[in-house]
Amino acid sequence: MGVTSFMQEFSSPVPPHILFKAVILDIHNLVHKVMPQAIESIDIVQGNGGPGTIKQINFAKGTRYKYMRHRIDSLDVENFRCKYTLTEGDVLTEKIEYISYEVEFEKASEGGCVCKMRSEYHIAQDFEIDEEEIRIGKERAIGMYRVVEAYLFENPGAYDQENDESMFLIN
């Protein structure tokens, strides 16, 4: 098995604590509302939102994929970091065994934040990764961030509770 890593970074005018809450902590409640053409639902299969939680993303009918499952490996709410692994779904092919992600939101000096994402593709033996497919997937991920960003501008204060991260854990 081989590992291929990619780094990606983009800026957002949204403060890191707000974007982190919307995109990481509460994505299961938000994304199907702002992107119904792409995501039908996100279900919590196991856990309460913290490490060990498994979320299943169900894609909208008529899209290329049916579902995928992520496991949250670590969650640092104080520093706006999350590590998770794509473990299952038709997004994975016989070429890719799993994909690990690290996402971090840092405060930008001019306001807003910088989102840094690292992904590691764990490739099955005797396969090479199609970097064009990876590029397209990365563009889709940033597209989702941009849609959430637009929602946050249309709904100021929606995720602006500075110190109430516990509201996003599942009871």
Protein backbone atom coordinates (compact mmCIF):
# COMPACT_ATOMS: atom_id res chain seq x y z
CA MET A 1 0.00 0.00 0.00
CA GLY A 2 1.24 3.48 -0.85
CA VAL A 3 0.32 6.86 0.58
CA THR A 4 -0.10 10.01 -1.47
CA SER A 5 -0.48 13.31 0.39
CA PHE A 6 -1.99 16.59 -0.74
CA MET A 7 -2.07 20.00 0.92
CA GLN A 8 -4.69 22.60 0.24
CA GLU A 9 -5.21 26.05 1.69
CA PHE A 10 -7.77 28.79 1.18
CA SER A 11 -8.80 32.02 2.85
CA SER A 12 -12.25 32.92 4.11
CA PRO A 13 -13.61 36.19 5.45
CA VAL A 14 -15.46 34.16 8.12
CA PRO A 15 -13.81 34.00 11.58
CA PRO A 16 -12.30 30.58 12.38
CA HIS A 17 -14.60 29.77 15.33
CA ILE A 18 -17.69 30.32 13.20
CA LEU A 19 -16.53 28.40 10.12
CA PHE A 20 -15.28 25.52 12.31
CA LYS A 21 -18.64 25.25 14.07
CA ALA A 22 -20.61 25.30 10.83
CA VAL A 23 -18.36 23.04 8.71
CA ILE A 24 -17.07 20.61 11.33
CA LEU A 25 -19.30 20.55 14.41
CA ASP A 26 -22.75 21.11 12.89
CA ILE A 27 -22.33 20.04 9.28
CA HIS A 28 -24.79 17.16 9.76
CA ASN A 29 -27.57 19.70 10.43
CA LEU A 30 -26.57 22.34 7.91
CA VAL A 31 -25.21 20.99 4.63
CA HIS A 32 -28.35 19.25 3.33
CA LYS A 33 -30.24 22.52 3.84
CA VAL A 34 -27.78 24.64 1.88
CA MET A 35 -26.83 21.99 -0.73
CA PRO A 36 -29.96 19.81 -1.22
CA GLN A 37 -28.98 19.16 -4.84
CA ALA A 38 -25.81 17.39 -3.65
CA ILE A 39 -26.43 16.08 -0.11
CA GLU A 40 -29.64 14.37 0.98
CA SER A 41 -28.63 13.97 4.63
CA ILE A 42 -25.84 13.29 7.07
CA ASP A 43 -26.67 10.67 9.67
CA ILE A 44 -24.82 10.03 12.92
CA VAL A 45 -24.27 6.26 12.81
CA GLN A 46 -22.29 6.08 16.05
CA GLY A 47 -21.15 8.53 18.72
CA ASN A 48 -22.04 11.95 20.02
CA GLY A 49 -20.11 14.25 17.67
CA GLY A 50 -16.69 13.82 19.31
CA PRO A 51 -13.83 11.41 18.52
CA GLY A 52 -15.08 7.99 17.47
CA THR A 53 -18.24 9.42 15.91
CA ILE A 54 -19.15 7.94 12.56
CA LYS A 55 -21.16 10.07 10.14
CA GLN A 56 -22.75 8.79 6.94
CA ILE A 57 -23.14 11.31 4.15
CA ASN A 58 -26.02 10.35 1.86
CA PHE A 59 -25.77 11.99 -1.53
CA ALA A 60 -28.81 13.32 -3.36
CA LYS A 61 -30.51 11.09 -5.89
CA GLY A 62 -29.11 11.53 -9.37
CA THR A 63 -25.59 12.33 -8.19
CA ARG A 64 -22.57 10.23 -9.03
CA TYR A 65 -22.22 8.60 -5.59
CA LYS A 66 -24.63 7.08 -3.11
CA TYR A 67 -22.91 7.49 0.27
CA MET A 68 -19.68 7.71 2.26
CA ARG A 69 -18.79 7.30 5.93
CA HIS A 70 -16.35 9.39 7.97
CA ARG A 71 -14.94 8.61 11.40
CA ILE A 72 -13.85 11.52 13.57
CA ASP A 73 -10.39 10.62 14.87
CA SER A 74 -9.65 13.74 16.90
CA LEU A 75 -11.39 17.01 17.57
CA ASP A 76 -9.66 20.06 19.06
CA VAL A 77 -12.44 22.59 19.47
CA GLU A 78 -10.21 25.10 21.26
CA ASN A 79 -7.74 25.27 18.35
CA PHE A 80 -10.26 24.64 15.53
CA ARG A 81 -8.69 21.37 14.33
CA CYS A 82 -10.20 18.09 13.26
CA LYS A 83 -8.82 14.80 11.98
CA TYR A 84 -11.15 12.34 10.32
CA THR A 85 -10.99 9.34 8.04
CA LEU A 86 -13.14 8.40 5.06
CA THR A 87 -13.58 4.69 5.79
CA GLU A 88 -16.39 3.47 3.57
CA GLY A 89 -18.54 4.31 0.58
CA ASP A 90 -18.71 4.21 -3.17
CA VAL A 91 -16.45 7.27 -3.30
CA LEU A 92 -13.65 4.86 -2.45
CA THR A 93 -12.68 2.68 -5.37
CA GLU A 94 -10.68 -0.53 -5.51
CA LYS A 95 -7.66 1.79 -5.81
CA ILE A 96 -8.18 3.69 -2.55
CA GLU A 97 -8.45 1.85 0.77
CA TYR A 98 -9.17 4.96 2.87
CA ILE A 99 -8.45 8.68 3.05
CA SER A 100 -7.27 10.55 6.16
CA TYR A 101 -7.89 14.27 6.54
CA GLU A 102 -6.59 17.00 8.83
CA VAL A 103 -8.39 20.33 8.79
CA GLU A 104 -7.32 23.44 10.69
CA PHE A 105 -8.84 26.92 10.77
CA GLU A 106 -6.39 29.68 11.71
CA LYS A 107 -7.18 33.32 12.35
CA ALA A 108 -5.95 35.46 9.45
CA SER A 109 -4.10 38.69 10.18
CA GLU A 110 -6.50 40.72 8.01
CA GLY A 111 -9.58 39.10 9.56
CA GLY A 112 -11.42 35.93 8.71
CA CYS A 113 -9.41 32.73 8.60
CA VAL A 114 -7.15 30.48 6.62
CA CYS A 115 -8.29 26.88 6.24
CA LYS A 116 -5.50 24.34 5.86
CA MET A 117 -6.36 20.84 4.74
CA ARG A 118 -4.09 17.85 4.41
CA SER A 119 -5.32 14.62 2.89
CA GLU A 120 -3.56 11.27 2.71
CA TYR A 121 -4.78 8.76 0.16
CA HIS A 122 -3.93 5.22 1.18
CA ILE A 123 -3.63 3.44 -2.14
CA ALA A 124 -4.05 -0.29 -2.66
CA GLN A 125 -1.04 -2.13 -4.03
CA ASP A 126 -0.37 -1.97 -7.75
CA PHE A 127 -2.55 1.10 -8.31
CA GLU A 128 -1.68 4.69 -9.11
CA ILE A 129 -3.81 7.61 -8.08
CA ASP A 130 -5.56 9.76 -10.68
CA GLU A 131 -4.52 13.28 -9.69
CA GLU A 132 -7.22 14.83 -11.90
CA GLU A 133 -9.92 13.01 -9.90
CA ILE A 134 -8.30 14.22 -6.69
CA ARG A 135 -8.25 17.81 -7.99
CA ILE A 136 -11.96 17.61 -8.84
CA GLY A 137 -12.75 16.23 -5.38
CA LYS A 138 -10.77 19.00 -3.71
CA GLU A 139 -12.64 21.62 -5.78
CA ARG A 140 -15.96 20.12 -4.67
CA ALA A 141 -14.88 20.30 -1.02
CA ILE A 142 -13.93 23.97 -1.35
CA GLY A 143 -17.24 24.53 -3.15
CA MET A 144 -19.07 23.19 -0.10
CA TYR A 145 -17.08 25.54 2.16
CA ARG A 146 -18.03 28.47 -0.11
CA VAL A 147 -21.73 27.57 0.01
CA VAL A 148 -21.59 27.40 3.83
CA GLU A 149 -19.67 30.68 3.85
CA ALA A 150 -22.44 32.33 1.81
CA TYR A 151 -25.05 30.94 4.22
CA LEU A 152 -23.13 32.42 7.16
CA PHE A 153 -23.12 35.86 5.51
CA GLU A 154 -26.86 35.63 4.87
CA ASN A 155 -27.42 34.52 8.49
CA PRO A 156 -25.07 36.57 10.66
CA GLY A 157 -24.88 35.26 14.20
CA ALA A 158 -26.00 31.75 13.22
CA TYR A 159 -22.85 30.17 14.66
CA ASP A 160 -21.45 33.07 16.66
CA GLN A 161 -21.84 31.59 20.16
CA GLU A 162 -18.20 32.06 21.17
CA ASN A 163 -17.88 29.45 23.92
CA ASP A 164 -20.75 27.01 23.50
CA GLU A 165 -19.23 24.13 21.52
CA SER A 166 -21.19 21.59 23.54
CA MET A 167 -24.37 22.62 21.75
CA PHE A 168 -23.18 20.61 18.75
CA LEU A 169 -22.66 17.30 20.50
CA ILE A 170 -25.44 14.79 19.98
CA ASN A 171 -27.34 13.82 23.11
